[in-house]
Amino acid sequence: MNRDNASARAALLRLREQAGTQAAALDGDLRSLFEASRSSNADDEHDPEGSTIAFERAQLTAVRDATRRRLAELDVALQRVDAGTYGVCERCSGQIPAERLAARPSARTCVGCASRA
């Protein structure tokens, strides 16, 4: 593994660790919210606070799901580093600019191919 791939791998692993920590925290928050609403005898449909609980549950679920997708994207990026294809566009086989990879480390396409998708 060359130096660029090694540094990309290290950066991706750091990002994955952060996202994993965030996903675990969101799972805990969601469990706590479910437990709190379960132990309450509030009725989401008829309680004035019910819509707030439902909204909070939906928001937490959406953020958790987005974090899990990010983890999956980072896993694919790590596989690409190991395969030696990190930074190579999956569509045109051109190089993905370093600026794009800095902004979106899990990018699988160059800017041109991404804009045509």
PDB file of N, CA and C in Angstrom:
ATOM      1  N   MET A   1       0.859  -1.176   0.000  1.00  0.00           N
ATOM      2  CA  MET A   1       0.000   0.000   0.000  1.00  0.00           C
ATOM      3  C   MET A   1       0.898   1.229   0.000  1.00  0.00           C
ATOM      4  N   ASN A   2       0.663   2.146  -0.958  1.00  0.00           N
ATOM      5  CA  ASN A   2       1.501   3.332  -1.020  1.00  0.00           C
ATOM      6  C   ASN A   2       1.096   4.341   0.046  1.00  0.00           C
ATOM      7  N   ARG A   3       1.911   5.368   0.185  1.00  0.00           N
ATOM      8  CA  ARG A   3       1.706   6.367   1.242  1.00  0.00           C
ATOM      9  C   ARG A   3       0.355   7.067   1.132  1.00  0.00           C
ATOM     10  N   ASP A   4      -0.058   7.425  -0.094  1.00  0.00           N
ATOM     11  CA  ASP A   4      -1.354   8.092  -0.280  1.00  0.00           C
ATOM     12  C   ASP A   4      -2.503   7.191   0.172  1.00  0.00           C
ATOM     13  N   ASN A   5      -2.424   5.921  -0.213  1.00  0.00           N
ATOM     14  CA  ASN A   5      -3.469   4.981   0.197  1.00  0.00           C
ATOM     15  C   ASN A   5      -3.467   4.771   1.705  1.00  0.00           C
ATOM     16  N   ALA A   6      -2.285   4.736   2.296  1.00  0.00           N
ATOM     17  CA  ALA A   6      -2.193   4.548   3.748  1.00  0.00           C
ATOM     18  C   ALA A   6      -2.798   5.737   4.481  1.00  0.00           C
ATOM     19  N   SER A   7      -2.538   6.953   3.998  1.00  0.00           N
ATOM     20  CA  SER A   7      -3.114   8.126   4.670  1.00  0.00           C
ATOM     21  C   SER A   7      -4.619   8.207   4.414  1.00  0.00           C
ATOM     22  N   ALA A   8      -5.065   7.816   3.228  1.00  0.00           N
ATOM     23  CA  ALA A   8      -6.504   7.792   2.940  1.00  0.00           C
ATOM     24  C   ALA A   8      -7.184   6.767   3.843  1.00  0.00           C
ATOM     25  N   ARG A   9      -6.559   5.613   4.003  1.00  0.00           N
ATOM     26  CA  ARG A   9      -7.117   4.566   4.856  1.00  0.00           C
ATOM     27  C   ARG A   9      -7.232   5.052   6.297  1.00  0.00           C
ATOM     28  N   ALA A  10      -6.184   5.703   6.791  1.00  0.00           N
ATOM     29  CA  ALA A  10      -6.200   6.209   8.169  1.00  0.00           C
ATOM     30  C   ALA A  10      -7.303   7.250   8.355  1.00  0.00           C
ATOM     31  N   ALA A  11      -7.450   8.146   7.384  1.00  0.00           N
ATOM     32  CA  ALA A  11      -8.496   9.174   7.471  1.00  0.00           C
ATOM     33  C   ALA A  11      -9.886   8.535   7.424  1.00  0.00           C
ATOM     34  N   LEU A  12     -10.065   7.557   6.548  1.00  0.00           N
ATOM     35  CA  LEU A  12     -11.358   6.875   6.452  1.00  0.00           C
ATOM     36  C   LEU A  12     -11.677   6.109   7.737  1.00  0.00           C
ATOM     37  N   LEU A  13     -10.667   5.501   8.328  1.00  0.00           N
ATOM     38  CA  LEU A  13     -10.888   4.778   9.585  1.00  0.00           C
ATOM     39  C   LEU A  13     -11.285   5.734  10.708  1.00  0.00           C
ATOM     40  N   ARG A  14     -10.674   6.921  10.747  1.00  0.00           N
ATOM     41  CA  ARG A  14     -11.058   7.927  11.746  1.00  0.00           C
ATOM     42  C   ARG A  14     -12.509   8.349  11.552  1.00  0.00           C
ATOM     43  N   LEU A  15     -12.879   8.613  10.299  1.00  0.00           N
ATOM     44  CA  LEU A  15     -14.260   9.004   9.995  1.00  0.00           C
ATOM     45  C   LEU A  15     -15.232   7.888  10.346  1.00  0.00           C
ATOM     46  N   ARG A  16     -14.834   6.650  10.077  1.00  0.00           N
ATOM     47  CA  ARG A  16     -15.701   5.514  10.381  1.00  0.00           C
ATOM     48  C   ARG A  16     -15.888   5.364  11.885  1.00  0.00           C
ATOM     49  N   GLU A  17     -14.815   5.572  12.629  1.00  0.00           N
ATOM     50  CA  GLU A  17     -14.915   5.488  14.093  1.00  0.00           C
ATOM     51  C   GLU A  17     -15.860   6.565  14.631  1.00  0.00           C
ATOM     52  N   GLN A  18     -15.734   7.788  14.101  1.00  0.00           N
ATOM     53  CA  GLN A  18     -16.628   8.871  14.518  1.00  0.00           C
ATOM     54  C   GLN A  18     -18.078   8.550  14.182  1.00  0.00           C
ATOM     55  N   ALA A  19     -18.314   8.065  12.981  1.00  0.00           N
ATOM     56  CA  ALA A  19     -19.678   7.730  12.562  1.00  0.00           C
ATOM     57  C   ALA A  19     -20.215   6.559  13.385  1.00  0.00           C
ATOM     58  N   GLY A  20     -19.366   5.593  13.701  1.00  0.00           N
ATOM     59  CA  GLY A  20     -19.790   4.468  14.533  1.00  0.00           C
ATOM     60  C   GLY A  20     -20.187   4.920  15.927  1.00  0.00           C
ATOM     61  N   THR A  21     -19.410   5.834  16.492  1.00  0.00           N
ATOM     62  CA  THR A  21     -19.728   6.386  17.810  1.00  0.00           C
ATOM     63  C   THR A  21     -21.048   7.141  17.760  1.00  0.00           C
ATOM     64  N   GLN A  22     -21.228   7.923  16.696  1.00  0.00           N
ATOM     65  CA  GLN A  22     -22.477   8.672  16.542  1.00  0.00           C
ATOM     66  C   GLN A  22     -23.669   7.724  16.380  1.00  0.00           C
ATOM     67  N   ALA A  23     -23.508   6.683  15.592  1.00  0.00           N
ATOM     68  CA  ALA A  23     -24.595   5.715  15.388  1.00  0.00           C
ATOM     69  C   ALA A  23     -24.964   5.034  16.700  1.00  0.00           C
ATOM     70  N   ALA A  24     -23.960   4.667  17.486  1.00  0.00           N
ATOM     71  CA  ALA A  24     -24.235   4.027  18.774  1.00  0.00           C
ATOM     72  C   ALA A  24     -24.968   4.983  19.711  1.00  0.00           C
ATOM     73  N   ALA A  25     -24.563   6.246  19.722  1.00  0.00           N
ATOM     74  CA  ALA A  25     -25.233   7.238  20.568  1.00  0.00           C
ATOM     75  C   ALA A  25     -26.679   7.446  20.115  1.00  0.00           C
ATOM     76  N   LEU A  26     -26.893   7.494  18.817  1.00  0.00           N
ATOM     77  CA  LEU A  26     -28.254   7.660  18.293  1.00  0.00           C
ATOM     78  C   LEU A  26     -29.121   6.447  18.614  1.00  0.00           C
ATOM     79  N   ASP A  27     -28.537   5.263  18.528  1.00  0.00           N
ATOM     80  CA  ASP A  27     -29.280   4.053  18.921  1.00  0.00           C
ATOM     81  C   ASP A  27     -29.706   4.155  20.381  1.00  0.00           C
ATOM     82  N   GLY A  28     -28.797   4.604  21.234  1.00  0.00           N
ATOM     83  CA  GLY A  28     -29.110   4.769  22.649  1.00  0.00           C
ATOM     84  C   GLY A  28     -30.189   5.814  22.879  1.00  0.00           C
ATOM     85  N   ASP A  29     -30.086   6.938  22.164  1.00  0.00           N
ATOM     86  CA  ASP A  29     -31.097   7.990  22.288  1.00  0.00           C
ATOM     87  C   ASP A  29     -32.466   7.480  21.853  1.00  0.00           C
ATOM     88  N   LEU A  30     -32.479   6.737  20.782  1.00  0.00           N
ATOM     89  CA  LEU A  30     -33.746   6.208  20.264  1.00  0.00           C
ATOM     90  C   LEU A  30     -34.347   5.193  21.246  1.00  0.00           C
ATOM     91  N   ARG A  31     -33.503   4.324  21.784  1.00  0.00           N
ATOM     92  CA  ARG A  31     -33.991   3.373  22.796  1.00  0.00           C
ATOM     93  C   ARG A  31     -34.553   4.112  24.006  1.00  0.00           C
ATOM     94  N   SER A  32     -33.851   5.144  24.451  1.00  0.00           N
ATOM     95  CA  SER A  32     -34.322   5.930  25.604  1.00  0.00           C
ATOM     96  C   SER A  32     -35.653   6.588  25.301  1.00  0.00           C
ATOM     97  N   LEU A  33     -35.804   7.109  24.098  1.00  0.00           N
ATOM     98  CA  LEU A  33     -37.060   7.749  23.717  1.00  0.00           C
ATOM     99  C   LEU A  33     -38.191   6.726  23.691  1.00  0.00           C
ATOM    100  N   PHE A  34     -37.924   5.547  23.131  1.00  0.00           N
ATOM    101  CA  PHE A  34     -38.945   4.491  23.113  1.00  0.00           C
ATOM    102  C   PHE A  34     -39.329   4.085  24.536  1.00  0.00           C
ATOM    103  N   GLU A  35     -38.329   3.916  25.389  1.00  0.00           N
ATOM    104  CA  GLU A  35     -38.597   3.531  26.778  1.00  0.00           C
ATOM    105  C   GLU A  35     -39.412   4.606  27.491  1.00  0.00           C
ATOM    106  N   ALA A  36     -39.042   5.867  27.294  1.00  0.00           N
ATOM    107  CA  ALA A  36     -39.753   6.962  27.951  1.00  0.00           C
ATOM    108  C   ALA A  36     -41.198   7.034  27.482  1.00  0.00           C
ATOM    109  N   SER A  37     -41.411   6.838  26.190  1.00  0.00           N
ATOM    110  CA  SER A  37     -42.787   6.916  25.680  1.00  0.00           C
ATOM    111  C   SER A  37     -43.584   5.669  26.050  1.00  0.00           C
ATOM    112  N   ARG A  38     -42.907   4.540  26.208  1.00  0.00           N
ATOM    113  CA  ARG A  38     -43.587   3.308  26.593  1.00  0.00           C
ATOM    114  C   ARG A  38     -44.025   3.361  28.057  1.00  0.00           C
ATOM    115  N   SER A  39     -43.183   3.937  28.915  1.00  0.00           N
ATOM    116  CA  SER A  39     -43.520   4.001  30.331  1.00  0.00           C
ATOM    117  C   SER A  39     -44.549   5.088  30.628  1.00  0.00           C
ATOM    118  N   SER A  40     -44.748   5.961  29.676  1.00  0.00           N
ATOM    119  CA  SER A  40     -45.765   7.004  29.815  1.00  0.00           C
ATOM    120  C   SER A  40     -47.080   6.463  29.270  1.00  0.00           C
ATOM    121  N   ASN A  41     -48.172   6.908  29.836  1.00  0.00           N
ATOM    122  CA  ASN A  41     -49.458   6.469  29.303  1.00  0.00           C
ATOM    123  C   ASN A  41     -50.023   7.504  28.332  1.00  0.00           C
ATOM    124  N   ALA A  42     -49.123   8.316  27.764  1.00  0.00           N
ATOM    125  CA  ALA A  42     -49.549   9.329  26.792  1.00  0.00           C
ATOM    126  C   ALA A  42     -49.967   8.652  25.490  1.00  0.00           C
ATOM    127  N   ASP A  43     -50.976   9.175  24.892  1.00  0.00           N
ATOM    128  CA  ASP A  43     -51.493   8.686  23.621  1.00  0.00           C
ATOM    129  C   ASP A  43     -51.040   9.671  22.546  1.00  0.00           C
ATOM    130  N   ASP A  44     -50.161   9.223  21.639  1.00  0.00           N
ATOM    131  CA  ASP A  44     -49.610  10.113  20.616  1.00  0.00           C
ATOM    132  C   ASP A  44     -50.684  10.848  19.830  1.00  0.00           C
ATOM    133  N   GLU A  45     -51.793  10.202  19.568  1.00  0.00           N
ATOM    134  CA  GLU A  45     -52.833  10.816  18.738  1.00  0.00           C
ATOM    135  C   GLU A  45     -53.648  11.865  19.481  1.00  0.00           C
ATOM    136  N   HIS A  46     -53.812  11.695  20.791  1.00  0.00           N
ATOM    137  CA  HIS A  46     -54.699  12.580  21.525  1.00  0.00           C
ATOM    138  C   HIS A  46     -53.993  13.468  22.535  1.00  0.00           C
ATOM    139  N   ASP A  47     -52.756  13.180  22.821  1.00  0.00           N
ATOM    140  CA  ASP A  47     -51.986  13.978  23.756  1.00  0.00           C
ATOM    141  C   ASP A  47     -51.355  15.151  23.012  1.00  0.00           C
ATOM    142  N   PRO A  48     -51.436  16.363  23.565  1.00  0.00           N
ATOM    143  CA  PRO A  48     -50.818  17.515  22.889  1.00  0.00           C
ATOM    144  C   PRO A  48     -49.318  17.339  22.673  1.00  0.00           C
ATOM    145  N   GLU A  49     -48.657  16.572  23.530  1.00  0.00           N
ATOM    146  CA  GLU A  49     -47.231  16.319  23.368  1.00  0.00           C
ATOM    147  C   GLU A  49     -46.960  15.142  22.439  1.00  0.00           C
ATOM    148  N   GLY A  50     -47.987  14.398  22.078  1.00  0.00           N
ATOM    149  CA  GLY A  50     -47.825  13.202  21.265  1.00  0.00           C
ATOM    150  C   GLY A  50     -47.169  13.461  19.932  1.00  0.00           C
ATOM    151  N   SER A  51     -47.566  14.516  19.264  1.00  0.00           N
ATOM    152  CA  SER A  51     -46.981  14.800  17.956  1.00  0.00           C
ATOM    153  C   SER A  51     -45.507  15.157  18.105  1.00  0.00           C
ATOM    154  N   THR A  52     -45.143  15.794  19.213  1.00  0.00           N
ATOM    155  CA  THR A  52     -43.746  16.123  19.453  1.00  0.00           C
ATOM    156  C   THR A  52     -42.931  14.850  19.641  1.00  0.00           C
ATOM    157  N   ILE A  53     -43.471  13.897  20.391  1.00  0.00           N
ATOM    158  CA  ILE A  53     -42.771  12.624  20.599  1.00  0.00           C
ATOM    159  C   ILE A  53     -42.622  11.884  19.271  1.00  0.00           C
ATOM    160  N   ALA A  54     -43.689  11.849  18.495  1.00  0.00           N
ATOM    161  CA  ALA A  54     -43.638  11.169  17.199  1.00  0.00           C
ATOM    162  C   ALA A  54     -42.642  11.861  16.268  1.00  0.00           C
ATOM    163  N   PHE A  55     -42.628  13.185  16.280  1.00  0.00           N
ATOM    164  CA  PHE A  55     -41.703  13.937  15.439  1.00  0.00           C
ATOM    165  C   PHE A  55     -40.264  13.666  15.865  1.00  0.00           C
ATOM    166  N   GLU A  56     -40.013  13.694  17.171  1.00  0.00           N
ATOM    167  CA  GLU A  56     -38.661  13.442  17.673  1.00  0.00           C
ATOM    168  C   GLU A  56     -38.201  12.031  17.317  1.00  0.00           C
ATOM    169  N   ARG A  57     -39.094  11.083  17.437  1.00  0.00           N
ATOM    170  CA  ARG A  57     -38.769   9.692  17.085  1.00  0.00           C
ATOM    171  C   ARG A  57     -38.434   9.598  15.596  1.00  0.00           C
ATOM    172  N   ALA A  58     -39.229  10.258  14.748  1.00  0.00           N
ATOM    173  CA  ALA A  58     -38.973  10.235  13.300  1.00  0.00           C
ATOM    174  C   ALA A  58     -37.646  10.913  12.970  1.00  0.00           C
ATOM    175  N   GLN A  59     -37.362  12.025  13.637  1.00  0.00           N
ATOM    176  CA  GLN A  59     -36.100  12.731  13.385  1.00  0.00           C
ATOM    177  C   GLN A  59     -34.904  11.883  13.795  1.00  0.00           C
ATOM    178  N   LEU A  60     -34.953  11.316  14.987  1.00  0.00           N
ATOM    179  CA  LEU A  60     -33.856  10.468  15.453  1.00  0.00           C
ATOM    180  C   LEU A  60     -33.647   9.267  14.533  1.00  0.00           C
ATOM    181  N   THR A  61     -34.738   8.665  14.098  1.00  0.00           N
ATOM    182  CA  THR A  61     -34.643   7.517  13.202  1.00  0.00           C
ATOM    183  C   THR A  61     -33.996   7.919  11.881  1.00  0.00           C
ATOM    184  N   ALA A  62     -34.380   9.069  11.347  1.00  0.00           N
ATOM    185  CA  ALA A  62     -33.814   9.534  10.079  1.00  0.00           C
ATOM    186  C   ALA A  62     -32.316   9.819  10.206  1.00  0.00           C
ATOM    187  N   VAL A  63     -31.923  10.471  11.283  1.00  0.00           N
ATOM    188  CA  VAL A  63     -30.502  10.777  11.479  1.00  0.00           C
ATOM    189  C   VAL A  63     -29.706   9.492  11.689  1.00  0.00           C
ATOM    190  N   ARG A  64     -30.262   8.561  12.468  1.00  0.00           N
ATOM    191  CA  ARG A  64     -29.587   7.279  12.695  1.00  0.00           C
ATOM    192  C   ARG A  64     -29.419   6.525  11.374  1.00  0.00           C
ATOM    193  N   ASP A  65     -30.466   6.496  10.558  1.00  0.00           N
ATOM    194  CA  ASP A  65     -30.394   5.796   9.273  1.00  0.00           C
ATOM    195  C   ASP A  65     -29.362   6.436   8.350  1.00  0.00           C
ATOM    196  N   ALA A  66     -29.299   7.769   8.346  1.00  0.00           N
ATOM    197  CA  ALA A  66     -28.301   8.474   7.526  1.00  0.00           C
ATOM    198  C   ALA A  66     -26.889   8.145   8.012  1.00  0.00           C
ATOM    199  N   THR A  67     -26.727   8.040   9.308  1.00  0.00           N
ATOM    200  CA  THR A  67     -25.417   7.699   9.870  1.00  0.00           C
ATOM    201  C   THR A  67     -25.027   6.279   9.494  1.00  0.00           C
ATOM    202  N   ARG A  68     -25.977   5.375   9.518  1.00  0.00           N
ATOM    203  CA  ARG A  68     -25.694   3.986   9.104  1.00  0.00           C
ATOM    204  C   ARG A  68     -25.318   3.922   7.621  1.00  0.00           C
ATOM    205  N   ARG A  69     -25.998   4.733   6.792  1.00  0.00           N
ATOM    206  CA  ARG A  69     -25.635   4.779   5.362  1.00  0.00           C
ATOM    207  C   ARG A  69     -24.214   5.309   5.203  1.00  0.00           C
ATOM    208  N   ARG A  70     -23.856   6.310   6.005  1.00  0.00           N
ATOM    209  CA  ARG A  70     -22.503   6.864   5.947  1.00  0.00           C
ATOM    210  C   ARG A  70     -21.478   5.792   6.326  1.00  0.00           C
ATOM    211  N   LEU A  71     -21.788   5.011   7.345  1.00  0.00           N
ATOM    212  CA  LEU A  71     -20.891   3.908   7.725  1.00  0.00           C
ATOM    213  C   LEU A  71     -20.697   2.937   6.565  1.00  0.00           C
ATOM    214  N   ALA A  72     -21.780   2.588   5.900  1.00  0.00           N
ATOM    215  CA  ALA A  72     -21.702   1.668   4.758  1.00  0.00           C
ATOM    216  C   ALA A  72     -20.861   2.279   3.634  1.00  0.00           C
ATOM    217  N   GLU A  73     -21.033   3.578   3.376  1.00  0.00           N
ATOM    218  CA  GLU A  73     -20.249   4.253   2.332  1.00  0.00           C
ATOM    219  C   GLU A  73     -18.765   4.254   2.691  1.00  0.00           C
ATOM    220  N   LEU A  74     -18.465   4.480   3.967  1.00  0.00           N
ATOM    221  CA  LEU A  74     -17.066   4.467   4.403  1.00  0.00           C
ATOM    222  C   LEU A  74     -16.474   3.072   4.302  1.00  0.00           C
ATOM    223  N   ASP A  75     -17.270   2.049   4.578  1.00  0.00           N
ATOM    224  CA  ASP A  75     -16.797   0.672   4.415  1.00  0.00           C
ATOM    225  C   ASP A  75     -16.443   0.389   2.953  1.00  0.00           C
ATOM    226  N   VAL A  76     -17.276   0.861   2.029  1.00  0.00           N
ATOM    227  CA  VAL A  76     -16.995   0.673   0.600  1.00  0.00           C
ATOM    228  C   VAL A  76     -15.726   1.431   0.221  1.00  0.00           C
ATOM    229  N   ALA A  77     -15.565   2.639   0.750  1.00  0.00           N
ATOM    230  CA  ALA A  77     -14.355   3.418   0.458  1.00  0.00           C
ATOM    231  C   ALA A  77     -13.109   2.683   0.965  1.00  0.00           C
ATOM    232  N   LEU A  78     -13.204   2.097   2.147  1.00  0.00           N
ATOM    233  CA  LEU A  78     -12.071   1.331   2.675  1.00  0.00           C
ATOM    234  C   LEU A  78     -11.765   0.108   1.796  1.00  0.00           C
ATOM    235  N   GLN A  79     -12.798  -0.537   1.288  1.00  0.00           N
ATOM    236  CA  GLN A  79     -12.587  -1.669   0.374  1.00  0.00           C
ATOM    237  C   GLN A  79     -11.895  -1.198  -0.896  1.00  0.00           C
ATOM    238  N   ARG A  80     -12.271  -0.008  -1.363  1.00  0.00           N
ATOM    239  CA  ARG A  80     -11.649   0.546  -2.568  1.00  0.00           C
ATOM    240  C   ARG A  80     -10.169   0.868  -2.317  1.00  0.00           C
ATOM    241  N   VAL A  81      -9.853   1.369  -1.113  1.00  0.00           N
ATOM    242  CA  VAL A  81      -8.445   1.616  -0.772  1.00  0.00           C
ATOM    243  C   VAL A  81      -7.681   0.298  -0.835  1.00  0.00           C
ATOM    244  N   ASP A  82      -8.225  -0.732  -0.201  1.00  0.00           N
ATOM    245  CA  ASP A  82      -7.561  -2.042  -0.182  1.00  0.00           C
ATOM    246  C   ASP A  82      -7.395  -2.630  -1.578  1.00  0.00           C
ATOM    247  N   ALA A  83      -8.366  -2.349  -2.454  1.00  0.00           N
ATOM    248  CA  ALA A  83      -8.306  -2.873  -3.824  1.00  0.00           C
ATOM    249  C   ALA A  83      -7.455  -2.000  -4.744  1.00  0.00           C
ATOM    250  N   GLY A  84      -7.029  -0.839  -4.230  1.00  0.00           N
ATOM    251  CA  GLY A  84      -6.231   0.073  -5.054  1.00  0.00           C
ATOM    252  C   GLY A  84      -7.054   0.899  -6.021  1.00  0.00           C
ATOM    253  N   THR A  85      -8.364   0.985  -5.806  1.00  0.00           N
ATOM    254  CA  THR A  85      -9.230   1.754  -6.716  1.00  0.00           C
ATOM    255  C   THR A  85      -9.800   3.010  -6.064  1.00  0.00           C
ATOM    256  N   TYR A  86      -9.338   3.342  -4.859  1.00  0.00           N
ATOM    257  CA  TYR A  86      -9.817   4.550  -4.202  1.00  0.00           C
ATOM    258  C   TYR A  86      -9.343   5.766  -4.990  1.00  0.00           C
ATOM    259  N   GLY A  87     -10.254   6.685  -5.236  1.00  0.00           N
ATOM    260  CA  GLY A  87      -9.907   7.883  -5.990  1.00  0.00           C
ATOM    261  C   GLY A  87     -10.074   7.722  -7.486  1.00  0.00           C
ATOM    262  N   VAL A  88     -10.567   6.559  -7.918  1.00  0.00           N
ATOM    263  CA  VAL A  88     -10.817   6.300  -9.338  1.00  0.00           C
ATOM    264  C   VAL A  88     -12.334   6.261  -9.536  1.00  0.00           C
ATOM    265  N   CYS A  89     -12.837   7.033 -10.483  1.00  0.00           N
ATOM    266  CA  CYS A  89     -14.273   7.102 -10.760  1.00  0.00           C
ATOM    267  C   CYS A  89     -14.787   5.747 -11.228  1.00  0.00           C
ATOM    268  N   GLU A  90     -15.879   5.315 -10.625  1.00  0.00           N
ATOM    269  CA  GLU A  90     -16.474   4.019 -10.991  1.00  0.00           C
ATOM    270  C   GLU A  90     -17.123   4.050 -12.372  1.00  0.00           C
ATOM    271  N   ARG A  91     -17.432   5.221 -12.897  1.00  0.00           N
ATOM    272  CA  ARG A  91     -18.101   5.296 -14.199  1.00  0.00           C
ATOM    273  C   ARG A  91     -17.135   5.492 -15.355  1.00  0.00           C
ATOM    274  N   CYS A  92     -16.244   6.486 -15.230  1.00  0.00           N
ATOM    275  CA  CYS A  92     -15.380   6.814 -16.371  1.00  0.00           C
ATOM    276  C   CYS A  92     -13.929   6.364 -16.181  1.00  0.00           C
ATOM    277  N   SER A  93     -13.603   5.849 -14.993  1.00  0.00           N
ATOM    278  CA  SER A  93     -12.256   5.396 -14.633  1.00  0.00           C
ATOM    279  C   SER A  93     -11.237   6.525 -14.550  1.00  0.00           C
ATOM    280  N   GLY A  94     -11.717   7.772 -14.575  1.00  0.00           N
ATOM    281  CA  GLY A  94     -10.821   8.916 -14.392  1.00  0.00           C
ATOM    282  C   GLY A  94     -10.527   9.117 -12.915  1.00  0.00           C
ATOM    283  N   GLN A  95      -9.577   9.977 -12.636  1.00  0.00           N
ATOM    284  CA  GLN A  95      -9.228  10.279 -11.256  1.00  0.00           C
ATOM    285  C   GLN A  95     -10.279  11.201 -10.624  1.00  0.00           C
ATOM    286  N   ILE A  96     -10.620  10.911  -9.400  1.00  0.00           N
ATOM    287  CA  ILE A  96     -11.497  11.799  -8.632  1.00  0.00           C
ATOM    288  C   ILE A  96     -10.589  12.857  -8.024  1.00  0.00           C
ATOM    289  N   PRO A  97     -10.880  14.142  -8.263  1.00  0.00           N
ATOM    290  CA  PRO A  97     -10.001  15.193  -7.736  1.00  0.00           C
ATOM    291  C   PRO A  97      -9.859  15.123  -6.212  1.00  0.00           C
ATOM    292  N   ALA A  98      -8.656  15.456  -5.735  1.00  0.00           N
ATOM    293  CA  ALA A  98      -8.368  15.421  -4.296  1.00  0.00           C
ATOM    294  C   ALA A  98      -9.328  16.322  -3.519  1.00  0.00           C
ATOM    295  N   GLU A  99      -9.725  17.440  -4.130  1.00  0.00           N
ATOM    296  CA  GLU A  99     -10.652  18.355  -3.454  1.00  0.00           C
ATOM    297  C   GLU A  99     -11.994  17.671  -3.195  1.00  0.00           C
ATOM    298  N   ARG A 100     -12.451  16.887  -4.165  1.00  0.00           N
ATOM    299  CA  ARG A 100     -13.726  16.167  -3.995  1.00  0.00           C
ATOM    300  C   ARG A 100     -13.591  15.107  -2.904  1.00  0.00           C
ATOM    301  N   LEU A 101     -12.476  14.407  -2.898  1.00  0.00           N
ATOM    302  CA  LEU A 101     -12.269  13.386  -1.873  1.00  0.00           C
ATOM    303  C   LEU A 101     -12.117  14.020  -0.486  1.00  0.00           C
ATOM    304  N   ALA A 102     -11.551  15.219  -0.427  1.00  0.00           N
ATOM    305  CA  ALA A 102     -11.434  15.916   0.854  1.00  0.00           C
ATOM    306  C   ALA A 102     -12.823  16.308   1.371  1.00  0.00           C
ATOM    307  N   ALA A 103     -13.686  16.747   0.451  1.00  0.00           N
ATOM    308  CA  ALA A 103     -15.036  17.156   0.838  1.00  0.00           C
ATOM    309  C   ALA A 103     -15.951  15.965   1.085  1.00  0.00           C
ATOM    310  N   ARG A 104     -15.756  14.919   0.294  1.00  0.00           N
ATOM    311  CA  ARG A 104     -16.598  13.719   0.396  1.00  0.00           C
ATOM    312  C   ARG A 104     -15.692  12.502   0.254  1.00  0.00           C
ATOM    313  N   PRO A 105     -15.100  12.068   1.367  1.00  0.00           N
ATOM    314  CA  PRO A 105     -14.112  10.981   1.307  1.00  0.00           C
ATOM    315  C   PRO A 105     -14.641   9.666   0.744  1.00  0.00           C
ATOM    316  N   SER A 106     -15.936   9.462   0.775  1.00  0.00           N
ATOM    317  CA  SER A 106     -16.488   8.211   0.257  1.00  0.00           C
ATOM    318  C   SER A 106     -16.955   8.333  -1.195  1.00  0.00           C
ATOM    319  N   ALA A 107     -16.588   9.428  -1.859  1.00  0.00           N
ATOM    320  CA  ALA A 107     -16.998   9.643  -3.249  1.00  0.00           C
ATOM    321  C   ALA A 107     -16.552   8.484  -4.131  1.00  0.00           C
ATOM    322  N   ARG A 108     -17.466   8.032  -4.985  1.00  0.00           N
ATOM    323  CA  ARG A 108     -17.168   6.921  -5.882  1.00  0.00           C
ATOM    324  C   ARG A 108     -17.112   7.362  -7.339  1.00  0.00           C
ATOM    325  N   THR A 109     -17.501   8.619  -7.576  1.00  0.00           N
ATOM    326  CA  THR A 109     -17.482   9.151  -8.941  1.00  0.00           C
ATOM    327  C   THR A 109     -16.831  10.528  -8.949  1.00  0.00           C
ATOM    328  N   CYS A 110     -16.333  10.897 -10.120  1.00  0.00           N
ATOM    329  CA  CYS A 110     -15.774  12.229 -10.280  1.00  0.00           C
ATOM    330  C   CYS A 110     -16.937  13.239 -10.344  1.00  0.00           C
ATOM    331  N   VAL A 111     -16.620  14.501 -10.324  1.00  0.00           N
ATOM    332  CA  VAL A 111     -17.651  15.542 -10.329  1.00  0.00           C
ATOM    333  C   VAL A 111     -18.497  15.467 -11.599  1.00  0.00           C
ATOM    334  N   GLY A 112     -17.837  15.275 -12.725  1.00  0.00           N
ATOM    335  CA  GLY A 112     -18.562  15.212 -14.005  1.00  0.00           C
ATOM    336  C   GLY A 112     -19.571  14.079 -14.036  1.00  0.00           C
ATOM    337  N   CYS A 113     -19.154  12.910 -13.614  1.00  0.00           N
ATOM    338  CA  CYS A 113     -20.075  11.757 -13.620  1.00  0.00           C
ATOM    339  C   CYS A 113     -21.158  11.922 -12.546  1.00  0.00           C
ATOM    340  N   ALA A 114     -20.820  12.520 -11.429  1.00  0.00           N
ATOM    341  CA  ALA A 114     -21.810  12.739 -10.368  1.00  0.00           C
ATOM    342  C   ALA A 114     -22.887  13.714 -10.823  1.00  0.00           C
ATOM    343  N   SER A 115     -22.500  14.709 -11.603  1.00  0.00           N
ATOM    344  CA  SER A 115     -23.484  15.701 -12.055  1.00  0.00           C
ATOM    345  C   SER A 115     -24.398  15.140 -13.155  1.00  0.00           C
ATOM    346  N   ARG A 116     -23.968  14.070 -13.827  1.00  0.00           N
ATOM    347  CA  ARG A 116     -24.791  13.452 -14.868  1.00  0.00           C
ATOM    348  C   ARG A 116     -25.716  12.370 -14.304  1.00  0.00           C
ATOM    349  N   ALA A 117     -25.552  12.057 -13.046  1.00  0.00           N
ATOM    350  CA  ALA A 117     -26.358  10.973 -12.451  1.00  0.00           C
ATOM    351  C   ALA A 117     -27.797  11.375 -12.219  1.00  0.00           C
TER     352      ALA A 117
END
